[in-house]
């Protein structure tokens, strides 16, 4: 599948958000990390920032990653922020779901057919844990660092999880996205692509470069076939 580059705005300068978004206009998606200070230690932005991003980032789909406890309380509101014209995705963590909540989150997202439904797993979670929901998902995200903080080093053992998930998805949910998030740069992106990923979240590898368009082109070129 065509590689998708999704810059993580967690690494952007929010004092100049419009300018930062403009600098990554050649990206495919924009990755939005929503943290509640509970499921992960850090606290980031909520609905107002997402609404601002929609105003300044179109036509980029927003790739919303909910690192929050009780995702059922949030998935519908974030999905409602995304416009039918440009779409986007809402991804919640399996580990944050109480019994039955994953199904209820997906039920809530079903009301927004223009929004891709995603599930994320942390490094300690067995990839096969997503199997009960794989038939309903548009994308699965493998965290290649511990969630909650940008700039961490890639965890090489996650490559096996990526490979296992790609095999499972090709058998049960072919054509759906397998996303990786954490420590992605021009070297690790190649390893992840070889393992089967097709969506790549990169923060510092893009925003720490003076020419963000060139950084995106370099990442895309490393895995383009």
Protein backbone atom coordinates (compact mmCIF):
# COMPACT_ATOMS: atom_id res chain seq x y z
CA UNK A 1 0.00 0.00 0.00
CA UNK A 2 1.03 3.61 -0.51
CA UNK A 3 2.93 4.88 2.55
CA UNK A 4 1.10 7.47 4.62
CA UNK A 5 3.10 10.03 6.59
CA UNK A 6 1.29 11.43 9.62
CA UNK A 7 3.37 14.10 11.44
CA UNK A 8 2.76 14.18 15.18
CA UNK A 9 1.73 17.66 16.24
CA UNK A 10 2.92 16.83 19.75
CA UNK A 11 6.33 18.02 18.50
CA UNK A 12 4.99 21.24 16.96
CA UNK A 13 5.27 24.76 18.37
CA UNK A 14 1.74 25.57 19.50
CA UNK A 15 2.49 29.25 19.82
CA UNK A 16 2.54 29.29 16.00
CA UNK A 17 0.13 26.49 15.21
CA UNK A 18 -1.05 27.80 11.85
CA UNK A 19 2.52 28.27 10.63
CA UNK A 20 3.51 24.82 11.89
CA UNK A 21 0.63 23.17 10.04
CA UNK A 22 1.53 25.07 6.88
CA UNK A 23 5.09 23.75 7.11
CA UNK A 24 3.88 20.12 6.86
CA UNK A 25 1.34 20.66 4.09
CA UNK A 26 2.95 17.90 2.00
CA UNK A 27 2.04 15.28 4.64
CA UNK A 28 -0.84 12.86 4.14
CA UNK A 29 -2.49 13.04 7.57
CA UNK A 30 -1.95 15.10 10.74
CA UNK A 31 -1.51 13.08 13.93
CA UNK A 32 -3.20 14.54 17.01
CA UNK A 33 -2.22 13.06 20.39
CA UNK A 34 -4.89 13.63 23.02
CA UNK A 35 -3.60 12.87 26.54
CA UNK A 36 -5.55 13.16 29.77
CA UNK A 37 -2.79 13.05 32.41
CA UNK A 38 -4.30 9.80 33.72
CA UNK A 39 -3.97 7.02 31.15
CA UNK A 40 -0.58 8.55 30.36
CA UNK A 41 1.33 11.04 32.55
CA UNK A 42 1.19 14.00 30.18
CA UNK A 43 -1.72 16.32 29.50
CA UNK A 44 -2.29 17.76 26.02
CA UNK A 45 -5.07 19.36 24.03
CA UNK A 46 -8.78 18.71 23.71
CA UNK A 47 -11.73 19.67 21.53
CA UNK A 48 -10.90 23.40 21.06
CA UNK A 49 -7.45 22.63 19.64
CA UNK A 50 -8.88 19.96 17.34
CA UNK A 51 -11.46 22.44 16.07
CA UNK A 52 -8.69 24.99 15.46
CA UNK A 53 -6.68 22.39 13.57
CA UNK A 54 -9.63 21.66 11.33
CA UNK A 55 -9.85 25.34 10.46
CA UNK A 56 -6.15 25.63 9.56
CA UNK A 57 -5.24 22.16 8.29
CA UNK A 58 -7.77 21.26 5.61
CA UNK A 59 -7.63 19.25 3.44
CA UNK A 60 -5.57 17.03 5.77
CA UNK A 61 -7.49 14.27 7.55
CA UNK A 62 -6.85 14.41 11.29
CA UNK A 63 -5.47 11.20 12.79
CA UNK A 64 -6.77 11.51 16.37
CA UNK A 65 -5.05 9.26 18.92
CA UNK A 66 -6.88 9.12 22.25
CA UNK A 67 -4.49 8.29 25.07
CA UNK A 68 -7.21 8.69 27.66
CA UNK A 69 -8.97 6.67 30.30
CA UNK A 70 -12.65 5.92 29.65
CA UNK A 71 -12.45 6.47 25.87
CA UNK A 72 -16.18 5.84 25.60
CA UNK A 73 -16.68 9.29 27.15
CA UNK A 74 -14.74 10.91 24.30
CA UNK A 75 -14.87 9.04 20.99
CA UNK A 76 -18.20 10.48 19.85
CA UNK A 77 -17.25 14.10 20.58
CA UNK A 78 -13.95 13.83 18.72
CA UNK A 79 -15.58 12.03 15.80
CA UNK A 80 -18.14 14.82 15.62
CA UNK A 81 -15.29 17.32 15.16
CA UNK A 82 -14.23 15.66 11.89
CA UNK A 83 -15.93 16.87 8.75
CA UNK A 84 -17.50 14.50 6.21
CA UNK A 85 -15.64 16.39 3.49
CA UNK A 86 -12.13 15.47 4.67
CA UNK A 87 -12.73 12.61 7.09
CA UNK A 88 -10.10 11.43 9.51
CA UNK A 89 -9.78 8.78 12.17
CA UNK A 90 -10.33 8.26 15.87
CA UNK A 91 -8.12 5.66 17.56
CA UNK A 92 -8.56 4.59 21.17
CA UNK A 93 -6.45 2.28 23.33
CA UNK A 94 -7.60 -1.24 24.00
CA UNK A 95 -5.91 -1.08 27.42
CA UNK A 96 -8.12 1.85 28.44
CA UNK A 97 -11.35 -0.06 27.85
CA UNK A 98 -13.38 -1.68 30.60
CA UNK A 99 -15.38 -4.81 29.76
CA UNK A 100 -17.60 -4.11 26.77
CA UNK A 101 -16.31 -0.57 26.23
CA UNK A 102 -14.36 -1.39 23.07
CA UNK A 103 -17.55 -2.58 21.39
CA UNK A 104 -19.43 0.45 22.64
CA UNK A 105 -16.70 2.78 21.33
CA UNK A 106 -16.97 1.18 17.90
CA UNK A 107 -20.77 1.38 18.05
CA UNK A 108 -20.48 5.12 18.74
CA UNK A 109 -18.06 5.59 15.83
CA UNK A 110 -20.40 3.71 13.49
CA UNK A 111 -22.61 6.80 13.56
CA UNK A 112 -19.86 8.68 11.67
CA UNK A 113 -19.17 6.65 8.50
CA UNK A 114 -16.61 9.21 7.25
CA UNK A 115 -14.44 8.55 10.35
CA UNK A 116 -12.00 5.62 10.33
CA UNK A 117 -12.21 3.44 13.44
CA UNK A 118 -8.86 2.65 15.05
CA UNK A 119 -7.54 0.68 18.01
CA UNK A 120 -4.08 1.14 19.54
CA UNK A 121 -2.01 -1.22 21.66
CA UNK A 122 0.87 -0.48 24.01
CA UNK A 123 4.24 -2.27 23.81
CA UNK A 124 3.33 -4.85 26.46
CA UNK A 125 0.05 -5.89 24.80
CA UNK A 126 -0.11 -9.07 22.72
CA UNK A 127 -1.07 -8.17 19.13
CA UNK A 128 -3.63 -10.98 19.12
CA UNK A 129 -5.59 -9.09 21.78
CA UNK A 130 -7.19 -7.05 18.97
CA UNK A 131 -8.62 -10.14 17.24
CA UNK A 132 -12.17 -9.85 18.66
CA UNK A 133 -12.53 -6.41 17.05
CA UNK A 134 -10.39 -6.76 13.95
CA UNK A 135 -13.38 -7.20 11.65
CA UNK A 136 -14.75 -3.80 12.66
CA UNK A 137 -11.54 -1.77 12.54
CA UNK A 138 -10.23 0.41 9.72
CA UNK A 139 -6.78 0.68 11.27
CA UNK A 140 -4.68 -0.73 14.08
CA UNK A 141 -1.89 1.25 15.73
CA UNK A 142 1.18 -0.44 17.20
CA UNK A 143 2.96 1.76 19.71
CA UNK A 144 6.70 1.41 19.18
CA UNK A 145 7.46 3.40 22.35
CA UNK A 146 5.64 3.71 25.66
CA UNK A 147 2.80 6.18 25.01
CA UNK A 148 2.73 9.60 26.58
CA UNK A 149 5.93 11.38 25.65
CA UNK A 150 7.55 12.43 22.38
CA UNK A 151 11.18 11.93 21.38
CA UNK A 152 11.60 8.38 22.74
CA UNK A 153 13.77 5.71 21.13
CA UNK A 154 12.21 3.05 18.94
CA UNK A 155 11.64 -0.37 20.58
CA UNK A 156 13.01 -2.96 18.08
CA UNK A 157 11.09 -5.87 19.58
CA UNK A 158 7.87 -4.28 18.32
CA UNK A 159 8.78 -5.28 14.77
CA UNK A 160 7.58 -8.80 15.53
CA UNK A 161 4.24 -7.40 16.73
CA UNK A 162 3.92 -5.46 13.48
CA UNK A 163 4.60 -8.59 11.46
CA UNK A 164 2.09 -10.63 13.44
CA UNK A 165 -0.60 -7.99 13.09
CA UNK A 166 -0.02 -7.63 9.35
CA UNK A 167 -0.49 -11.38 8.95
CA UNK A 168 -3.68 -11.31 11.00
CA UNK A 169 -5.03 -8.30 9.11
CA UNK A 170 -4.21 -9.74 5.69
CA UNK A 171 -6.23 -12.84 6.56
CA UNK A 172 -9.16 -11.15 8.31
CA UNK A 173 -9.17 -7.49 7.33
CA UNK A 174 -7.17 -7.05 4.10
CA UNK A 175 -6.57 -3.55 2.81
CA UNK A 176 -6.81 -1.90 6.21
CA UNK A 177 -4.14 0.36 7.69
CA UNK A 178 -1.43 -0.76 10.10
CA UNK A 179 -0.02 2.30 11.84
CA UNK A 180 3.18 2.68 13.86
CA UNK A 181 3.82 5.45 16.36
CA UNK A 182 7.03 6.16 18.25
CA UNK A 183 10.68 6.66 17.35
CA UNK A 184 10.04 6.76 13.61
CA UNK A 185 12.88 8.21 11.51
CA UNK A 186 14.47 7.46 8.13
CA UNK A 187 16.01 4.25 9.48
CA UNK A 188 13.21 2.79 11.60
CA UNK A 189 10.56 3.60 9.00
CA UNK A 190 12.21 1.14 6.62
CA UNK A 191 12.14 -1.63 9.24
CA UNK A 192 8.48 -0.95 10.03
CA UNK A 193 7.50 -0.92 6.37
CA UNK A 194 9.30 -4.21 5.79
CA UNK A 195 7.35 -5.65 8.75
CA UNK A 196 4.06 -4.59 7.17
CA UNK A 197 3.18 -1.09 8.41
CA UNK A 198 1.83 1.49 5.97
CA UNK A 199 1.02 4.52 8.21
CA UNK A 200 3.95 6.20 9.93
CA UNK A 201 3.66 8.73 12.75
CA UNK A 202 6.76 10.90 13.05
CA UNK A 203 7.29 13.84 15.38
CA UNK A 204 10.84 14.98 16.02
CA UNK A 205 12.04 13.45 12.74
CA UNK A 206 9.95 16.11 11.01
CA UNK A 207 9.49 19.05 13.36
CA UNK A 208 13.13 19.21 14.45
CA UNK A 209 14.22 19.67 10.83
CA UNK A 210 14.49 23.19 9.32
CA UNK A 211 12.85 22.00 6.08
CA UNK A 212 9.79 19.95 7.07
CA UNK A 213 8.73 19.29 3.46
CA UNK A 214 12.16 17.79 2.76
CA UNK A 215 11.93 15.67 5.93
CA UNK A 216 8.54 14.32 4.87
CA UNK A 217 9.83 13.60 1.36
CA UNK A 218 12.82 11.77 2.83
CA UNK A 219 10.60 9.58 5.02
CA UNK A 220 8.22 8.86 2.15
CA UNK A 221 11.07 8.12 -0.23
CA UNK A 222 12.63 5.65 2.19
CA UNK A 223 9.61 3.35 1.95
CA UNK A 224 8.08 4.23 -1.41
CA UNK A 225 7.74 1.28 -3.77
